[in-house]
Structure formats: C-alpha cells, structure tokens
Amino acid sequence: FFNDTATTEIYTLSLSFICKMKKHPNYFVKVLISSPCSASVIIQYGIKSWPIWECEPSKFQWNYDDKEICLIIEGQATISTQNGDIYVIKAGDLVEFPPGLNCEWEVTKSIKKHYRLGS
C-alpha cells in the first residue's frame, strides 16, 4: 500500500493517535482561566447580567455538554479532569469550560459565579 518506510511510519503513528483519541476523547480538552478578569471584559460581555449559580463546599462529578464561561465572584474550587489536569479557580477568575469536559468539582470555599452556556 505504501511505497516507503517513512510514509508507513507516519501512517502507523496517525492510526495510533486516532485510536488514542477514541479511547480518550478528552485528551486535548482544556479549561481556560483568565486571572484576574478585567473590568473592561466584564462590561464588554455584560457578565454581571448573566445568571448566578452558588454552591456550598462539596465534591461532585460534572459533564459539560455545552461550553460554559463563568466569572467566579466568591469562593474557590478545584477542578480535576479525566486526563489528570487539575485547576484551582477562585474569586476574580474568568473560566471557560469546553464542551465534552468530564470533571470532578471540589468546592473548597462556598462558590458564587455568573455563568453563560453555549457559544
């Protein structure tokens, strides 16, 4: 099928990568944090008009079907993803959770956030 060793090796590596991605679909799913979020961004996107979500200290699993952007108003949480990434989010952080993210939330200090779902 392939006429040289280099092409065969690239094809093999590509297939290996595709198989890895099918087994671990969240391999490249990353949480983005902007800290601290600037006042100009808060005004530009109307973040203070977004709904508010609150949670007492607790630990739970969460799956993001849609993208979520949120501004942490109060508190702190540790987010652990299935691929081993750990993020600490706190008051003042603007956080983007990508669609498809499966994670565990550990709310360490009662948290309050403005949030928006979807694109």
C-alpha atoms as a PDB file:
ATOM      1  CA  PHE A   1       0.000   0.000   0.000  1.00  0.00           C
ATOM      2  CA  PHE A   2       2.760   2.477   0.945  1.00  0.00           C
ATOM      3  CA  ASN A   3       5.957   2.563  -1.055  1.00  0.00           C
ATOM      4  CA  ASP A   4       8.431   3.808   1.556  1.00  0.00           C
ATOM      5  CA  THR A   5       9.245   3.282   5.228  1.00  0.00           C
ATOM      6  CA  ALA A   6       8.769   6.934   6.263  1.00  0.00           C
ATOM      7  CA  THR A   7       5.227   7.062   4.872  1.00  0.00           C
ATOM      8  CA  THR A   8       4.387   3.740   6.540  1.00  0.00           C
ATOM      9  CA  GLU A   9       5.686   5.052   9.898  1.00  0.00           C
ATOM     10  CA  ILE A  10       3.651   8.270   9.614  1.00  0.00           C
ATOM     11  CA  TYR A  11       0.536   6.258   8.750  1.00  0.00           C
ATOM     12  CA  THR A  12       1.137   3.943  11.733  1.00  0.00           C
ATOM     13  CA  LEU A  13       1.652   6.905  14.099  1.00  0.00           C
ATOM     14  CA  SER A  14      -1.507   8.574  12.765  1.00  0.00           C
ATOM     15  CA  LEU A  15      -3.564   5.433  13.330  1.00  0.00           C
ATOM     16  CA  SER A  16      -2.102   5.095  16.828  1.00  0.00           C
ATOM     17  CA  PHE A  17      -3.054   8.724  17.586  1.00  0.00           C
ATOM     18  CA  ILE A  18      -6.603   8.238  16.233  1.00  0.00           C
ATOM     19  CA  CYS A  19      -7.048   5.120  18.384  1.00  0.00           C
ATOM     20  CA  LYS A  20      -5.764   7.007  21.444  1.00  0.00           C
ATOM     21  CA  MET A  21      -8.211   9.852  20.746  1.00  0.00           C
ATOM     22  CA  LYS A  22     -11.133   7.386  20.508  1.00  0.00           C
ATOM     23  CA  LYS A  23     -10.164   5.828  23.851  1.00  0.00           C
ATOM     24  CA  HIS A  24      -9.546   9.235  25.488  1.00  0.00           C
ATOM     25  CA  PRO A  25     -11.807  11.780  23.745  1.00  0.00           C
ATOM     26  CA  ASN A  26     -10.963  14.478  26.325  1.00  0.00           C
ATOM     27  CA  TYR A  27      -7.217  14.221  25.661  1.00  0.00           C
ATOM     28  CA  PHE A  28      -6.976  17.818  24.396  1.00  0.00           C
ATOM     29  CA  VAL A  29      -9.902  19.314  26.321  1.00  0.00           C
ATOM     30  CA  LYS A  30      -8.530  22.160  28.440  1.00  0.00           C
ATOM     31  CA  VAL A  31     -10.044  24.620  30.897  1.00  0.00           C
ATOM     32  CA  LEU A  32      -9.031  28.224  30.168  1.00  0.00           C
ATOM     33  CA  ILE A  33      -8.572  30.645  33.065  1.00  0.00           C
ATOM     34  CA  SER A  34      -8.024  34.387  32.840  1.00  0.00           C
ATOM     35  CA  SER A  35      -6.977  35.760  36.210  1.00  0.00           C
ATOM     36  CA  PRO A  36      -7.923  38.305  37.219  1.00  0.00           C
ATOM     37  CA  CYS A  37     -10.711  39.135  34.793  1.00  0.00           C
ATOM     38  CA  SER A  38     -10.523  42.789  33.790  1.00  0.00           C
ATOM     39  CA  ALA A  39     -13.358  45.240  34.397  1.00  0.00           C
ATOM     40  CA  SER A  40     -13.409  46.030  30.664  1.00  0.00           C
ATOM     41  CA  VAL A  41     -14.150  42.356  29.825  1.00  0.00           C
ATOM     42  CA  ILE A  42     -16.910  42.244  32.458  1.00  0.00           C
ATOM     43  CA  ILE A  43     -18.517  45.332  30.903  1.00  0.00           C
ATOM     44  CA  GLN A  44     -17.899  44.273  27.270  1.00  0.00           C
ATOM     45  CA  TYR A  45     -19.692  40.928  27.687  1.00  0.00           C
ATOM     46  CA  GLY A  46     -22.324  42.085  30.177  1.00  0.00           C
ATOM     47  CA  ILE A  47     -21.187  39.429  32.634  1.00  0.00           C
ATOM     48  CA  LYS A  48     -22.994  40.997  35.607  1.00  0.00           C
ATOM     49  CA  SER A  49     -26.317  40.363  33.824  1.00  0.00           C
ATOM     50  CA  TRP A  50     -25.630  36.612  33.472  1.00  0.00           C
ATOM     51  CA  PRO A  51     -27.401  34.164  35.817  1.00  0.00           C
ATOM     52  CA  ILE A  52     -25.789  33.319  39.159  1.00  0.00           C
ATOM     53  CA  TRP A  53     -25.018  29.832  40.483  1.00  0.00           C
ATOM     54  CA  GLU A  54     -23.977  29.120  44.074  1.00  0.00           C
ATOM     55  CA  CYS A  55     -22.675  26.018  45.821  1.00  0.00           C
ATOM     56  CA  GLU A  56     -21.579  25.179  49.366  1.00  0.00           C
ATOM     57  CA  PRO A  57     -18.387  23.160  49.961  1.00  0.00           C
ATOM     58  CA  SER A  58     -18.894  19.763  48.344  1.00  0.00           C
ATOM     59  CA  LYS A  59     -17.486  17.302  45.818  1.00  0.00           C
ATOM     60  CA  PHE A  60     -19.326  16.131  42.678  1.00  0.00           C
ATOM     61  CA  GLN A  61     -18.861  14.895  39.109  1.00  0.00           C
ATOM     62  CA  TRP A  62     -19.850  17.176  36.220  1.00  0.00           C
ATOM     63  CA  ASN A  63     -20.087  16.806  32.435  1.00  0.00           C
ATOM     64  CA  TYR A  64     -20.168  19.868  30.170  1.00  0.00           C
ATOM     65  CA  ASP A  65     -22.419  19.210  27.167  1.00  0.00           C
ATOM     66  CA  ASP A  66     -22.005  22.850  26.058  1.00  0.00           C
ATOM     67  CA  LYS A  67     -19.283  25.413  26.536  1.00  0.00           C
ATOM     68  CA  GLU A  68     -19.614  27.411  29.755  1.00  0.00           C
ATOM     69  CA  ILE A  69     -17.966  30.719  30.528  1.00  0.00           C
ATOM     70  CA  CYS A  70     -18.154  31.921  34.098  1.00  0.00           C
ATOM     71  CA  LEU A  71     -16.836  34.643  36.359  1.00  0.00           C
ATOM     72  CA  ILE A  72     -16.088  33.461  39.868  1.00  0.00           C
ATOM     73  CA  ILE A  73     -17.484  36.118  42.224  1.00  0.00           C
ATOM     74  CA  GLU A  74     -16.723  34.418  45.543  1.00  0.00           C
ATOM     75  CA  GLY A  75     -15.072  31.262  46.811  1.00  0.00           C
ATOM     76  CA  GLN A  76     -12.754  28.634  45.436  1.00  0.00           C
ATOM     77  CA  ALA A  77     -12.880  25.191  43.816  1.00  0.00           C
ATOM     78  CA  THR A  78     -10.515  22.580  42.457  1.00  0.00           C
ATOM     79  CA  ILE A  79     -11.450  21.057  39.111  1.00  0.00           C
ATOM     80  CA  SER A  80      -9.899  17.666  38.254  1.00  0.00           C
ATOM     81  CA  THR A  81     -10.274  16.385  34.684  1.00  0.00           C
ATOM     82  CA  GLN A  82     -10.293  12.797  33.462  1.00  0.00           C
ATOM     83  CA  ASN A  83      -6.910  13.282  31.792  1.00  0.00           C
ATOM     84  CA  GLY A  84      -5.299  14.305  35.094  1.00  0.00           C
ATOM     85  CA  ASP A  85      -5.274  18.094  34.763  1.00  0.00           C
ATOM     86  CA  ILE A  86      -6.041  19.998  37.977  1.00  0.00           C
ATOM     87  CA  TYR A  87      -7.241  23.604  38.015  1.00  0.00           C
ATOM     88  CA  VAL A  88      -7.834  25.829  41.020  1.00  0.00           C
ATOM     89  CA  ILE A  89     -10.389  28.561  40.345  1.00  0.00           C
ATOM     90  CA  LYS A  90     -11.078  31.455  42.687  1.00  0.00           C
ATOM     91  CA  ALA A  91     -12.798  34.828  43.009  1.00  0.00           C
ATOM     92  CA  GLY A  92     -11.873  37.107  40.114  1.00  0.00           C
ATOM     93  CA  ASP A  93     -11.179  34.304  37.613  1.00  0.00           C
ATOM     94  CA  LEU A  94     -12.891  34.168  34.227  1.00  0.00           C
ATOM     95  CA  VAL A  95     -13.120  30.475  33.361  1.00  0.00           C
ATOM     96  CA  GLU A  96     -14.055  28.709  30.129  1.00  0.00           C
ATOM     97  CA  PHE A  97     -15.130  25.066  30.342  1.00  0.00           C
ATOM     98  CA  PRO A  98     -15.153  23.412  26.892  1.00  0.00           C
ATOM     99  CA  PRO A  99     -17.946  21.149  25.646  1.00  0.00           C
ATOM    100  CA  GLY A 100     -17.213  17.482  26.272  1.00  0.00           C
ATOM    101  CA  LEU A 101     -15.306  18.080  29.509  1.00  0.00           C
ATOM    102  CA  ASN A 102     -15.880  15.464  32.206  1.00  0.00           C
ATOM    103  CA  CYS A 103     -14.513  16.502  35.567  1.00  0.00           C
ATOM    104  CA  GLU A 104     -14.804  16.467  39.321  1.00  0.00           C
ATOM    105  CA  TRP A 105     -15.553  19.672  41.203  1.00  0.00           C
ATOM    106  CA  GLU A 106     -14.338  20.061  44.765  1.00  0.00           C
ATOM    107  CA  VAL A 107     -15.763  23.278  46.143  1.00  0.00           C
ATOM    108  CA  THR A 108     -13.373  24.182  48.964  1.00  0.00           C
ATOM    109  CA  LYS A 109     -14.898  27.590  49.831  1.00  0.00           C
ATOM    110  CA  SER A 110     -18.556  28.380  49.121  1.00  0.00           C
ATOM    111  CA  ILE A 111     -18.624  29.493  45.499  1.00  0.00           C
ATOM    112  CA  LYS A 112     -20.730  32.002  43.623  1.00  0.00           C
ATOM    113  CA  LYS A 113     -20.403  32.623  39.895  1.00  0.00           C
ATOM    114  CA  HIS A 114     -22.010  34.380  36.944  1.00  0.00           C
ATOM    115  CA  TYR A 115     -22.272  31.923  34.050  1.00  0.00           C
ATOM    116  CA  ARG A 116     -23.248  31.657  30.397  1.00  0.00           C
ATOM    117  CA  LEU A 117     -23.820  28.406  28.490  1.00  0.00           C
ATOM    118  CA  GLY A 118     -23.232  27.885  24.772  1.00  0.00           C
ATOM    119  CA  SER A 119     -21.183  29.773  22.218  1.00  0.00           C
END
